């Protein structure tokens, strides 16, 4: 985010359905930020874009003048 305002509810396209967690942010206090973090894991939702393509997105908050990195959580539904 190169703007000086946070972006709440930003729809980020992700490759697979599931839950995603923030693993890095540039906004913690120790980096001089305002500690705007995505502390809870977020679940994907499906959308259809203008071309009719189905996509998976997560709704996140992006800090002002910063960035964040997410990873898909491992499923705990192991078949025995």
PDB file of N, CA and C in Angstrom:
ATOM      1  N   UNK A   1       0.856  -1.172   0.000  1.00  0.00           N
ATOM      2  CA  UNK A   1       0.000   0.000   0.000  1.00  0.00           C
ATOM      3  C   UNK A   1       0.903   1.235   0.000  1.00  0.00           C
ATOM      4  N   UNK A   2       0.883   1.990  -1.049  1.00  0.00           N
ATOM      5  CA  UNK A   2       1.709   3.193  -1.150  1.00  0.00           C
ATOM      6  C   UNK A   2       0.956   4.452  -0.745  1.00  0.00           C
ATOM      7  N   UNK A   3      -0.270   4.299  -0.242  1.00  0.00           N
ATOM      8  CA  UNK A   3      -1.063   5.443   0.210  1.00  0.00           C
ATOM      9  C   UNK A   3      -0.913   5.606   1.729  1.00  0.00           C
ATOM     10  N   UNK A   4      -1.072   6.818   2.245  1.00  0.00           N
ATOM     11  CA  UNK A   4      -0.914   7.056   3.688  1.00  0.00           C
ATOM     12  C   UNK A   4      -2.173   6.733   4.496  1.00  0.00           C
ATOM     13  N   UNK A   5      -3.056   5.878   3.967  1.00  0.00           N
ATOM     14  CA  UNK A   5      -4.270   5.468   4.677  1.00  0.00           C
ATOM     15  C   UNK A   5      -4.364   3.945   4.667  1.00  0.00           C
ATOM     16  N   UNK A   6      -4.948   3.380   5.725  1.00  0.00           N
ATOM     17  CA  UNK A   6      -5.117   1.925   5.743  1.00  0.00           C
ATOM     18  C   UNK A   6      -6.285   1.533   4.860  1.00  0.00           C
ATOM     19  N   UNK A   7      -6.214   0.340   4.320  1.00  0.00           N
ATOM     20  CA  UNK A   7      -7.256  -0.199   3.445  1.00  0.00           C
ATOM     21  C   UNK A   7      -7.923  -1.365   4.178  1.00  0.00           C
ATOM     22  N   UNK A   8      -9.135  -1.141   4.676  1.00  0.00           N
ATOM     23  CA  UNK A   8      -9.883  -2.193   5.354  1.00  0.00           C
ATOM     24  C   UNK A   8     -10.781  -2.900   4.354  1.00  0.00           C
ATOM     25  N   UNK A   9     -10.943  -4.203   4.520  1.00  0.00           N
ATOM     26  CA  UNK A   9     -11.797  -4.961   3.620  1.00  0.00           C
ATOM     27  C   UNK A   9     -11.225  -5.106   2.223  1.00  0.00           C
ATOM     28  N   UNK A  10      -9.909  -5.054   2.098  1.00  0.00           N
ATOM     29  CA  UNK A  10      -9.249  -5.199   0.804  1.00  0.00           C
ATOM     30  C   UNK A  10      -9.347  -6.662   0.369  1.00  0.00           C
ATOM     31  N   UNK A  11      -9.913  -6.920  -0.806  1.00  0.00           N
ATOM     32  CA  UNK A  11     -10.081  -8.286  -1.318  1.00  0.00           C
ATOM     33  C   UNK A  11      -8.806  -8.718  -2.040  1.00  0.00           C
ATOM     34  N   UNK A  12      -8.074  -9.634  -1.423  1.00  0.00           N
ATOM     35  CA  UNK A  12      -6.823 -10.145  -1.974  1.00  0.00           C
ATOM     36  C   UNK A  12      -7.069 -11.523  -2.583  1.00  0.00           C
ATOM     37  N   UNK A  13      -6.748 -11.680  -3.868  1.00  0.00           N
ATOM     38  CA  UNK A  13      -6.922 -12.974  -4.541  1.00  0.00           C
ATOM     39  C   UNK A  13      -5.863 -13.948  -4.049  1.00  0.00           C
ATOM     40  N   UNK A  14      -6.305 -15.168  -3.712  1.00  0.00           N
ATOM     41  CA  UNK A  14      -5.401 -16.222  -3.239  1.00  0.00           C
ATOM     42  C   UNK A  14      -5.619 -17.467  -4.103  1.00  0.00           C
ATOM     43  N   UNK A  15      -4.612 -18.351  -4.171  1.00  0.00           N
ATOM     44  CA  UNK A  15      -4.703 -19.479  -5.101  1.00  0.00           C
ATOM     45  C   UNK A  15      -5.664 -20.598  -4.701  1.00  0.00           C
ATOM     46  N   UNK A  16      -5.880 -20.813  -3.390  1.00  0.00           N
ATOM     47  CA  UNK A  16      -6.687 -21.953  -2.951  1.00  0.00           C
ATOM     48  C   UNK A  16      -7.660 -21.546  -1.854  1.00  0.00           C
ATOM     49  N   UNK A  17      -8.748 -22.308  -1.759  1.00  0.00           N
ATOM     50  CA  UNK A  17      -9.714 -22.111  -0.677  1.00  0.00           C
ATOM     51  C   UNK A  17      -9.077 -22.525   0.653  1.00  0.00           C
ATOM     52  N   UNK A  18      -9.542 -21.927   1.731  1.00  0.00           N
ATOM     53  CA  UNK A  18      -9.047 -22.301   3.056  1.00  0.00           C
ATOM     54  C   UNK A  18      -8.927 -21.093   3.959  1.00  0.00           C
ATOM     55  N   UNK A  19      -8.103 -21.241   4.971  1.00  0.00           N
ATOM     56  CA  UNK A  19      -7.849 -20.158   5.921  1.00  0.00           C
ATOM     57  C   UNK A  19      -6.417 -19.679   5.730  1.00  0.00           C
ATOM     58  N   UNK A  20      -6.243 -18.364   5.791  1.00  0.00           N
ATOM     59  CA  UNK A  20      -4.932 -17.757   5.605  1.00  0.00           C
ATOM     60  C   UNK A  20      -4.570 -16.940   6.835  1.00  0.00           C
ATOM     61  N   UNK A  21      -3.290 -16.965   7.182  1.00  0.00           N
ATOM     62  CA  UNK A  21      -2.807 -16.206   8.333  1.00  0.00           C
ATOM     63  C   UNK A  21      -1.701 -15.252   7.902  1.00  0.00           C
ATOM     64  N   UNK A  22      -1.665 -14.103   8.563  1.00  0.00           N
ATOM     65  CA  UNK A  22      -0.608 -13.136   8.292  1.00  0.00           C
ATOM     66  C   UNK A  22       0.669 -13.631   8.958  1.00  0.00           C
ATOM     67  N   UNK A  23       1.746 -13.716   8.196  1.00  0.00           N
ATOM     68  CA  UNK A  23       3.022 -14.178   8.737  1.00  0.00           C
ATOM     69  C   UNK A  23       4.058 -13.066   8.813  1.00  0.00           C
ATOM     70  N   UNK A  24       3.789 -11.942   8.151  1.00  0.00           N
ATOM     71  CA  UNK A  24       4.701 -10.794   8.230  1.00  0.00           C
ATOM     72  C   UNK A  24       3.931  -9.528   7.905  1.00  0.00           C
ATOM     73  N   UNK A  25       4.248  -8.472   8.634  1.00  0.00           N
ATOM     74  CA  UNK A  25       3.694  -7.155   8.355  1.00  0.00           C
ATOM     75  C   UNK A  25       4.789  -6.124   8.580  1.00  0.00           C
ATOM     76  N   UNK A  26       4.743  -5.041   7.838  1.00  0.00           N
ATOM     77  CA  UNK A  26       5.707  -3.955   8.031  1.00  0.00           C
ATOM     78  C   UNK A  26       5.225  -2.959   9.074  1.00  0.00           C
ATOM     79  N   UNK A  27       4.056  -3.213   9.694  1.00  0.00           N
ATOM     80  CA  UNK A  27       3.448  -2.203  10.550  1.00  0.00           C
ATOM     81  C   UNK A  27       3.526  -2.421  12.064  1.00  0.00           C
ATOM     82  N   UNK A  28       4.237  -3.420  12.605  1.00  0.00           N
ATOM     83  CA  UNK A  28       4.335  -3.523  14.064  1.00  0.00           C
ATOM     84  C   UNK A  28       5.029  -2.298  14.664  1.00  0.00           C
ATOM     85  N   UNK A  29       4.733  -2.048  15.938  1.00  0.00           N
ATOM     86  CA  UNK A  29       5.358  -0.922  16.640  1.00  0.00           C
ATOM     87  C   UNK A  29       6.878  -0.966  16.524  1.00  0.00           C
ATOM     88  N   UNK A  30       7.466  -2.167  16.633  1.00  0.00           N
ATOM     89  CA  UNK A  30       8.935  -2.268  16.612  1.00  0.00           C
ATOM     90  C   UNK A  30       9.553  -1.862  15.273  1.00  0.00           C
ATOM     91  N   UNK A  31       8.733  -1.798  14.216  1.00  0.00           N
ATOM     92  CA  UNK A  31       9.205  -1.314  12.914  1.00  0.00           C
ATOM     93  C   UNK A  31       8.841   0.147  12.694  1.00  0.00           C
ATOM     94  N   UNK A  32       8.303   0.796  13.726  1.00  0.00           N
ATOM     95  CA  UNK A  32       7.907   2.192  13.609  1.00  0.00           C
ATOM     96  C   UNK A  32       6.492   2.387  13.081  1.00  0.00           C
ATOM     97  N   UNK A  33       5.721   1.298  13.053  1.00  0.00           N
ATOM     98  CA  UNK A  33       4.360   1.369  12.529  1.00  0.00           C
ATOM     99  C   UNK A  33       3.325   1.661  13.599  1.00  0.00           C
ATOM    100  N   UNK A  34       2.078   1.552  13.220  1.00  0.00           N
ATOM    101  CA  UNK A  34       0.957   1.815  14.118  1.00  0.00           C
ATOM    102  C   UNK A  34       0.303   0.525  14.612  1.00  0.00           C
ATOM    103  N   UNK A  35       0.923  -0.613  14.319  1.00  0.00           N
ATOM    104  CA  UNK A  35       0.472  -1.930  14.774  1.00  0.00           C
ATOM    105  C   UNK A  35      -0.885  -2.320  14.181  1.00  0.00           C
ATOM    106  N   UNK A  36      -1.107  -1.952  12.931  1.00  0.00           N
ATOM    107  CA  UNK A  36      -2.321  -2.368  12.222  1.00  0.00           C
ATOM    108  C   UNK A  36      -2.027  -3.733  11.618  1.00  0.00           C
ATOM    109  N   UNK A  37      -2.562  -4.772  12.259  1.00  0.00           N
ATOM    110  CA  UNK A  37      -2.242  -6.145  11.897  1.00  0.00           C
ATOM    111  C   UNK A  37      -3.516  -6.936  11.627  1.00  0.00           C
ATOM    112  N   UNK A  38      -3.367  -8.040  10.913  1.00  0.00           N
ATOM    113  CA  UNK A  38      -4.442  -9.011  10.717  1.00  0.00           C
ATOM    114  C   UNK A  38      -4.140 -10.157  11.682  1.00  0.00           C
ATOM    115  N   UNK A  39      -4.586 -10.022  12.915  1.00  0.00           N
ATOM    116  CA  UNK A  39      -4.197 -10.967  13.964  1.00  0.00           C
ATOM    117  C   UNK A  39      -4.942 -12.292  13.901  1.00  0.00           C
ATOM    118  N   UNK A  40      -6.126 -12.291  13.338  1.00  0.00           N
ATOM    119  CA  UNK A  40      -6.916 -13.521  13.216  1.00  0.00           C
ATOM    120  C   UNK A  40      -6.774 -14.069  11.805  1.00  0.00           C
ATOM    121  N   UNK A  41      -6.776 -15.394  11.694  1.00  0.00           N
ATOM    122  CA  UNK A  41      -6.768 -16.013  10.371  1.00  0.00           C
ATOM    123  C   UNK A  41      -8.077 -15.661   9.660  1.00  0.00           C
ATOM    124  N   UNK A  42      -8.019 -15.565   8.337  1.00  0.00           N
ATOM    125  CA  UNK A  42      -9.198 -15.213   7.552  1.00  0.00           C
ATOM    126  C   UNK A  42      -9.543 -16.342   6.593  1.00  0.00           C
ATOM    127  N   UNK A  43     -10.828 -16.558   6.395  1.00  0.00           N
ATOM    128  CA  UNK A  43     -11.315 -17.610   5.508  1.00  0.00           C
ATOM    129  C   UNK A  43     -11.587 -17.023   4.129  1.00  0.00           C
ATOM    130  N   UNK A  44     -11.323 -17.825   3.117  1.00  0.00           N
ATOM    131  CA  UNK A  44     -11.582 -17.387   1.742  1.00  0.00           C
ATOM    132  C   UNK A  44     -13.078 -17.325   1.465  1.00  0.00           C
ATOM    133  N   UNK A  45     -13.398 -16.535   0.458  1.00  0.00           N
ATOM    134  CA  UNK A  45     -14.745 -16.519  -0.103  1.00  0.00           C
ATOM    135  C   UNK A  45     -14.572 -16.509  -1.613  1.00  0.00           C
ATOM    136  N   UNK A  46     -15.584 -16.945  -2.310  1.00  0.00           N
ATOM    137  CA  UNK A  46     -15.526 -17.000  -3.778  1.00  0.00           C
ATOM    138  C   UNK A  46     -16.239 -15.798  -4.376  1.00  0.00           C
ATOM    139  N   UNK A  47     -15.657 -15.280  -5.452  1.00  0.00           N
ATOM    140  CA  UNK A  47     -16.281 -14.204  -6.208  1.00  0.00           C
ATOM    141  C   UNK A  47     -16.202 -14.565  -7.690  1.00  0.00           C
ATOM    142  N   UNK A  48     -16.998 -13.893  -8.489  1.00  0.00           N
ATOM    143  CA  UNK A  48     -16.916 -14.023  -9.943  1.00  0.00           C
ATOM    144  C   UNK A  48     -16.555 -12.642 -10.472  1.00  0.00           C
ATOM    145  N   UNK A  49     -15.430 -12.558 -11.187  1.00  0.00           N
ATOM    146  CA  UNK A  49     -14.980 -11.257 -11.680  1.00  0.00           C
ATOM    147  C   UNK A  49     -15.761 -10.829 -12.920  1.00  0.00           C
ATOM    148  N   UNK A  50     -15.414  -9.683 -13.465  1.00  0.00           N
ATOM    149  CA  UNK A  50     -16.130  -9.108 -14.606  1.00  0.00           C
ATOM    150  C   UNK A  50     -16.092 -10.005 -15.844  1.00  0.00           C
ATOM    151  N   UNK A  51     -15.059 -10.846 -15.959  1.00  0.00           N
ATOM    152  CA  UNK A  51     -14.940 -11.748 -17.101  1.00  0.00           C
ATOM    153  C   UNK A  51     -15.652 -13.079 -16.858  1.00  0.00           C
ATOM    154  N   UNK A  52     -16.253 -13.244 -15.675  1.00  0.00           N
ATOM    155  CA  UNK A  52     -16.948 -14.486 -15.353  1.00  0.00           C
ATOM    156  C   UNK A  52     -16.071 -15.554 -14.736  1.00  0.00           C
ATOM    157  N   UNK A  53     -14.856 -15.199 -14.351  1.00  0.00           N
ATOM    158  CA  UNK A  53     -13.931 -16.151 -13.759  1.00  0.00           C
ATOM    159  C   UNK A  53     -14.136 -16.213 -12.249  1.00  0.00           C
ATOM    160  N   UNK A  54     -14.260 -17.431 -11.722  1.00  0.00           N
ATOM    161  CA  UNK A  54     -14.400 -17.609 -10.278  1.00  0.00           C
ATOM    162  C   UNK A  54     -13.029 -17.465  -9.625  1.00  0.00           C
ATOM    163  N   UNK A  55     -12.970 -16.682  -8.542  1.00  0.00           N
ATOM    164  CA  UNK A  55     -11.711 -16.465  -7.820  1.00  0.00           C
ATOM    165  C   UNK A  55     -11.932 -16.636  -6.331  1.00  0.00           C
ATOM    166  N   UNK A  56     -10.866 -17.000  -5.638  1.00  0.00           N
ATOM    167  CA  UNK A  56     -10.867 -17.082  -4.182  1.00  0.00           C
ATOM    168  C   UNK A  56     -10.227 -15.808  -3.645  1.00  0.00           C
ATOM    169  N   UNK A  57     -10.863 -15.168  -2.678  1.00  0.00           N
ATOM    170  CA  UNK A  57     -10.305 -13.951  -2.098  1.00  0.00           C
ATOM    171  C   UNK A  57     -10.392 -14.022  -0.571  1.00  0.00           C
ATOM    172  N   UNK A  58      -9.511 -13.270   0.076  1.00  0.00           N
ATOM    173  CA  UNK A  58      -9.596 -13.041   1.514  1.00  0.00           C
ATOM    174  C   UNK A  58      -9.723 -11.536   1.715  1.00  0.00           C
ATOM    175  N   UNK A  59     -10.491 -11.161   2.709  1.00  0.00           N
ATOM    176  CA  UNK A  59     -10.662  -9.742   3.025  1.00  0.00           C
ATOM    177  C   UNK A  59      -9.714  -9.383   4.155  1.00  0.00           C
ATOM    178  N   UNK A  60      -8.788  -8.464   3.873  1.00  0.00           N
ATOM    179  CA  UNK A  60      -7.745  -8.124   4.839  1.00  0.00           C
ATOM    180  C   UNK A  60      -7.692  -6.612   5.055  1.00  0.00           C
ATOM    181  N   UNK A  61      -6.924  -6.230   6.064  1.00  0.00           N
ATOM    182  CA  UNK A  61      -6.608  -4.829   6.290  1.00  0.00           C
ATOM    183  C   UNK A  61      -5.144  -4.627   5.919  1.00  0.00           C
ATOM    184  N   UNK A  62      -4.899  -3.664   5.034  1.00  0.00           N
ATOM    185  CA  UNK A  62      -3.534  -3.358   4.603  1.00  0.00           C
ATOM    186  C   UNK A  62      -3.120  -2.061   5.295  1.00  0.00           C
ATOM    187  N   UNK A  63      -1.979  -2.074   6.009  1.00  0.00           N
ATOM    188  CA  UNK A  63      -1.563  -0.875   6.729  1.00  0.00           C
ATOM    189  C   UNK A  63      -1.149   0.255   5.795  1.00  0.00           C
ATOM    190  N   UNK A  64      -1.240   1.505   6.271  1.00  0.00           N
ATOM    191  CA  UNK A  64      -0.799   2.628   5.443  1.00  0.00           C
ATOM    192  C   UNK A  64       0.704   2.556   5.181  1.00  0.00           C
ATOM    193  N   UNK A  65       1.086   2.829   3.955  1.00  0.00           N
ATOM    194  CA  UNK A  65       2.506   2.834   3.571  1.00  0.00           C
ATOM    195  C   UNK A  65       3.214   1.560   4.011  1.00  0.00           C
ATOM    196  N   UNK A  66       2.530   0.433   3.877  1.00  0.00           N
ATOM    197  CA  UNK A  66       3.111  -0.821   4.340  1.00  0.00           C
ATOM    198  C   UNK A  66       2.599  -2.004   3.551  1.00  0.00           C
ATOM    199  N   UNK A  67       2.982  -3.172   4.011  1.00  0.00           N
ATOM    200  CA  UNK A  67       2.566  -4.401   3.352  1.00  0.00           C
ATOM    201  C   UNK A  67       2.494  -5.551   4.334  1.00  0.00           C
ATOM    202  N   UNK A  68       1.920  -6.639   3.872  1.00  0.00           N
ATOM    203  CA  UNK A  68       1.809  -7.829   4.703  1.00  0.00           C
ATOM    204  C   UNK A  68       1.873  -9.073   3.815  1.00  0.00           C
ATOM    205  N   UNK A  69       2.261 -10.180   4.436  1.00  0.00           N
ATOM    206  CA  UNK A  69       2.421 -11.454   3.734  1.00  0.00           C
ATOM    207  C   UNK A  69       1.536 -12.485   4.434  1.00  0.00           C
ATOM    208  N   UNK A  70       0.827 -13.293   3.635  1.00  0.00           N
ATOM    209  CA  UNK A  70      -0.063 -14.322   4.160  1.00  0.00           C
ATOM    210  C   UNK A  70       0.362 -15.691   3.664  1.00  0.00           C
ATOM    211  N   UNK A  71      -0.002 -16.726   4.453  1.00  0.00           N
ATOM    212  CA  UNK A  71       0.190 -18.100   3.986  1.00  0.00           C
ATOM    213  C   UNK A  71      -1.052 -18.895   4.337  1.00  0.00           C
ATOM    214  N   UNK A  72      -1.295 -19.909   3.539  1.00  0.00           N
ATOM    215  CA  UNK A  72      -2.436 -20.781   3.771  1.00  0.00           C
ATOM    216  C   UNK A  72      -2.126 -21.684   4.958  1.00  0.00           C
ATOM    217  N   UNK A  73      -3.065 -21.785   5.874  1.00  0.00           N
ATOM    218  CA  UNK A  73      -2.878 -22.681   7.008  1.00  0.00           C
ATOM    219  C   UNK A  73      -3.019 -24.120   6.537  1.00  0.00           C
ATOM    220  N   UNK A  74      -2.275 -25.004   7.174  1.00  0.00           N
ATOM    221  CA  UNK A  74      -2.374 -26.420   6.867  1.00  0.00           C
ATOM    222  C   UNK A  74      -3.687 -26.969   7.402  1.00  0.00           C
ATOM    223  N   UNK A  75      -4.334 -27.800   6.636  1.00  0.00           N
ATOM    224  CA  UNK A  75      -5.583 -28.411   7.076  1.00  0.00           C
ATOM    225  C   UNK A  75      -5.288 -29.425   8.173  1.00  0.00           C
ATOM    226  N   UNK A  76      -6.160 -29.460   9.174  1.00  0.00           N
ATOM    227  CA  UNK A  76      -5.998 -30.430  10.270  1.00  0.00           C
ATOM    228  C   UNK A  76      -6.943 -31.605  10.083  1.00  0.00           C
ATOM    229  N   UNK A  77      -7.622 -31.667   8.924  1.00  0.00           N
ATOM    230  CA  UNK A  77      -8.565 -32.744   8.641  1.00  0.00           C
ATOM    231  C   UNK A  77      -7.840 -33.897   7.948  1.00  0.00           C
ATOM    232  N   UNK A  78      -6.982 -34.571   8.686  1.00  0.00           N
ATOM    233  CA  UNK A  78      -6.208 -35.672   8.107  1.00  0.00           C
ATOM    234  C   UNK A  78      -7.058 -36.949   8.106  1.00  0.00           C
ATOM    235  N   UNK A  79      -7.144 -37.570   6.967  1.00  0.00           N
ATOM    236  CA  UNK A  79      -7.891 -38.829   6.867  1.00  0.00           C
ATOM    237  C   UNK A  79      -7.027 -39.958   7.409  1.00  0.00           C
ATOM    238  N   UNK A  80      -7.634 -40.800   8.215  1.00  0.00           N
ATOM    239  CA  UNK A  80      -6.897 -41.932   8.799  1.00  0.00           C
ATOM    240  C   UNK A  80      -7.168 -43.186   8.044  1.00  0.00           C
TER     241      UNK A  80
END
